[in-house]
Protein backbone atom coordinates (compact mmCIF):
# COMPACT_ATOMS: atom_id res chain seq x y z
CA MET A 1 -99.68 58.21 36.18
CA ASP A 2 -103.57 58.92 36.00
CA GLU A 3 -105.33 62.08 37.40
CA GLU A 4 -106.59 59.62 40.57
CA ALA A 5 -103.77 57.57 41.06
CA ARG A 6 -101.43 60.84 41.59
CA PRO A 7 -100.88 62.17 45.59
CA SER A 8 -102.31 64.90 46.48
CA VAL A 9 -99.93 68.31 46.00
CA VAL A 10 -99.16 71.19 48.53
CA GLN A 11 -97.69 73.84 46.16
CA PRO A 12 -95.08 75.92 48.34
CA ALA A 13 -96.45 79.89 49.67
CA PRO A 14 -94.94 82.60 47.62
CA PRO A 15 -91.38 83.19 50.06
CA LYS A 16 -91.67 85.93 52.72
CA GLY A 17 -88.75 88.15 53.90
CA VAL A 18 -85.74 88.80 52.16
CA LEU A 19 -86.11 86.28 50.10
CA GLY A 20 -90.03 87.33 49.21
CA TRP A 21 -88.52 91.16 48.30
CA LEU A 22 -85.41 90.17 46.64
CA LEU A 23 -87.68 88.34 44.05
CA ARG A 24 -90.01 91.69 44.02
CA SER A 25 -86.73 93.79 43.85
CA PRO A 26 -86.72 93.78 39.77
CA VAL A 27 -90.19 96.27 40.23
CA TYR A 28 -87.81 99.13 41.55
CA LEU A 29 -85.50 98.73 38.45
CA TYR A 30 -88.47 99.13 36.69
CA HIS A 31 -89.96 102.26 37.99
CA ALA A 32 -86.32 103.40 38.13
CA HIS A 33 -86.12 103.39 33.75
CA LEU A 34 -83.99 100.43 33.96
CA GLY A 35 -85.83 97.03 32.93
CA PHE A 36 -83.76 97.47 30.00
CA LEU A 37 -81.48 95.54 31.35
CA PHE A 38 -83.59 92.19 32.22
CA GLY A 39 -83.90 92.81 28.37
CA HIS A 40 -87.01 90.47 27.62
CA ARG A 41 -85.63 87.87 30.34
CA PHE A 42 -87.85 89.20 32.77
CA LEU A 43 -91.29 91.73 33.07
CA LEU A 44 -93.64 93.54 35.11
CA LEU A 45 -96.88 92.45 34.94
CA VAL A 46 -99.55 95.72 36.18
CA HIS A 47 -102.55 94.24 37.25
CA GLU A 48 -105.38 95.60 39.51
CA GLY A 49 -106.71 93.70 42.69
CA ARG A 50 -110.04 91.53 42.07
CA ARG A 51 -111.09 92.65 45.66
CA THR A 52 -109.25 95.69 46.25
CA GLY A 53 -109.03 97.59 42.79
CA LEU A 54 -105.64 98.53 43.65
CA ARG A 55 -102.77 98.39 41.06
CA ARG A 56 -100.44 95.46 41.69
CA GLU A 57 -97.54 94.68 40.07
CA THR A 58 -95.76 91.92 39.74
CA PRO A 59 -92.31 91.15 38.20
CA LEU A 60 -92.25 87.77 36.29
CA GLU A 61 -89.92 85.82 34.63
CA VAL A 62 -90.43 85.36 30.29
CA VAL A 63 -90.05 81.59 29.66
CA ARG A 64 -90.96 82.08 25.85
CA TYR A 65 -90.58 85.73 23.93
CA ASP A 66 -91.62 85.50 20.41
CA ARG A 67 -90.21 88.70 19.02
CA ALA A 68 -92.34 88.63 15.83
CA ALA A 69 -95.28 88.72 18.09
CA HIS A 70 -93.97 90.27 20.95
CA GLU A 71 -95.66 87.79 22.94
CA ALA A 72 -93.75 86.87 26.49
CA VAL A 73 -94.95 83.85 28.17
CA VAL A 74 -94.98 83.20 31.70
CA ALA A 75 -95.23 80.91 33.91
CA ALA A 76 -97.55 80.79 37.70
CA GLY A 77 -94.92 79.57 39.28
CA TRP A 78 -96.74 79.60 42.86
CA GLY A 79 -99.85 77.75 40.76
CA ARG A 80 -103.64 78.32 40.05
CA LYS A 81 -104.31 79.97 43.63
CA THR A 82 -101.72 82.72 41.90
CA ALA A 83 -103.20 86.25 42.91
CA TRP A 84 -101.84 87.96 39.95
CA LEU A 85 -103.36 84.83 37.55
CA HIS A 86 -107.29 85.32 39.12
CA ASN A 87 -106.73 89.07 38.22
CA VAL A 88 -105.34 88.23 34.26
CA GLU A 89 -108.56 85.70 34.23
CA ALA A 90 -110.68 88.28 35.48
CA GLY A 91 -109.07 90.62 32.78
CA LEU A 92 -107.40 92.65 35.06
CA ALA A 93 -104.05 92.92 33.58
CA ARG A 94 -103.53 96.56 32.66
CA GLU A 95 -99.97 96.85 31.54
CA VAL A 96 -96.57 94.82 30.70
CA TRP A 97 -93.50 97.01 30.71
CA ILE A 98 -90.68 94.55 29.12
CA GLY A 99 -87.36 95.56 27.65
CA ARG A 100 -88.01 99.25 26.44
CA GLU A 101 -91.78 98.63 25.64
CA ARG A 102 -94.88 98.92 27.87
CA TYR A 103 -98.19 98.17 26.48
CA THR A 104 -101.82 97.19 27.57
CA PRO A 105 -101.94 93.21 26.89
CA VAL A 106 -103.44 90.35 25.46
CA CYS A 107 -103.65 87.59 27.23
CA ARG A 108 -103.71 84.22 26.17
CA PHE A 109 -103.62 80.86 28.31
CA LEU A 110 -101.85 78.05 26.74
CA ALA A 111 -103.34 74.88 25.91
CA THR A 112 -101.32 71.92 27.84
CA GLU A 113 -99.26 70.73 24.74
CA GLU A 114 -98.09 73.92 23.74
CA ALA A 115 -96.99 74.48 27.01
CA ALA A 116 -95.59 71.73 27.47
CA GLY A 117 -93.46 72.28 24.50
CA VAL A 118 -92.83 75.89 25.96
CA LEU A 119 -91.22 74.66 28.94
CA GLU A 120 -89.33 71.68 27.10
CA ASP A 121 -87.78 74.69 25.52
CA TYR A 122 -87.20 76.77 28.68
CA GLU A 123 -85.34 74.03 29.94
CA ARG A 124 -83.12 73.38 26.99
CA HIS A 125 -82.66 77.31 25.98
CA SER A 126 -82.53 78.85 29.68
CA GLY A 127 -78.42 79.36 29.89
CA LEU A 128 -78.90 77.07 33.70
CA PRO A 129 -78.44 73.99 33.66
CA LYS A 130 -80.94 71.77 33.98
CA GLY A 131 -80.35 69.92 37.47
CA ILE A 132 -80.79 73.64 38.95
CA VAL A 133 -84.11 74.35 36.59
CA ARG A 134 -85.41 70.96 37.72
CA GLY A 135 -84.37 71.64 41.69
CA VAL A 136 -86.55 75.18 40.95
CA LEU A 137 -89.14 73.34 39.63
CA SER A 138 -89.52 70.91 41.98
CA ARG A 139 -89.72 72.95 44.88
CA LEU A 140 -92.26 75.52 43.04
CA LEU A 141 -94.58 72.07 42.55
CA GLY A 142 -94.25 70.23 45.32
CA TRP A 143 -93.17 66.67 43.71
CA ARG A 144 -89.97 65.72 42.06
CA TYR A 145 -89.85 67.09 38.80
CA ASP A 146 -88.05 64.80 36.19
CA GLY A 147 -88.50 66.95 33.16
CA SER A 148 -90.13 63.80 31.23
CA PRO A 149 -92.74 64.73 29.01
CA ALA A 150 -95.65 62.97 31.61
CA ALA A 151 -93.68 65.51 34.52
CA ARG A 152 -94.21 68.30 31.71
CA ARG A 153 -97.74 67.75 31.00
CA ARG A 154 -98.39 67.41 35.25
CA ALA A 155 -96.69 70.78 35.86
CA VAL A 156 -98.07 73.09 33.16
CA GLU A 157 -102.01 71.89 34.33
CA GLN A 158 -100.31 72.78 37.48
CA MET A 159 -98.88 75.57 36.67
CA PRO A 160 -100.37 76.97 33.59
CA LEU A 161 -98.26 78.98 31.03
CA ILE A 162 -99.88 82.86 30.05
CA GLY A 163 -98.96 84.83 26.64
CA LEU A 164 -99.19 89.02 27.03
CA ARG A 165 -98.75 90.24 24.12
CA PRO A 166 -99.57 93.77 23.32
CA ALA A 167 -103.22 94.84 22.10
CA THR A 168 -102.29 96.62 19.28
CA MET A 169 -98.97 97.27 17.82
CA ALA A 170 -99.63 100.89 17.98
CA ASN A 171 -100.79 100.92 21.47
CA ALA A 172 -96.60 99.29 22.38
CA SER A 173 -94.20 102.33 23.47
CA PRO A 174 -90.57 102.17 22.97
CA THR A 175 -89.61 104.25 26.05
CA PRO A 176 -91.25 103.65 29.63
CA ARG A 177 -93.40 106.48 31.10
CA THR A 178 -93.48 107.14 34.25
């Protein structure tokens, strides 16, 4: 389906209330020095607000982790309007906490084909049934995600994937600091 033939999509906003609190709860575990419990499945992105200059902390699911490069790939699940994504684009990513490491990140935006491949691998290896992964993606995207190559490309165009790796390997700290 070409770009003009696609219906406009209203992507849902991040949840508020109890669900919003539950999705943010990893922040408290990282601050309690328990982030290692997540291994490389989740990370905490520390960034600066573009307008306020205030420190912001966002827990994110890692869709791929490359041990050799220490690169974690995350998805902007709420789409291109996501505040943390704008802060990263503005060069305001300050720190990543993942496993037992903390580092200043270098960020890269994955090209569509690479991102689609990462999403395909995630669907296969996330440990969740495909129906659940596709259901969650459908909810995040605001349209029925069927796992086809065309849907995958459309998904990563709407929901960018970003790689975060240490600026220098000497920068990576094996233990959390406060």
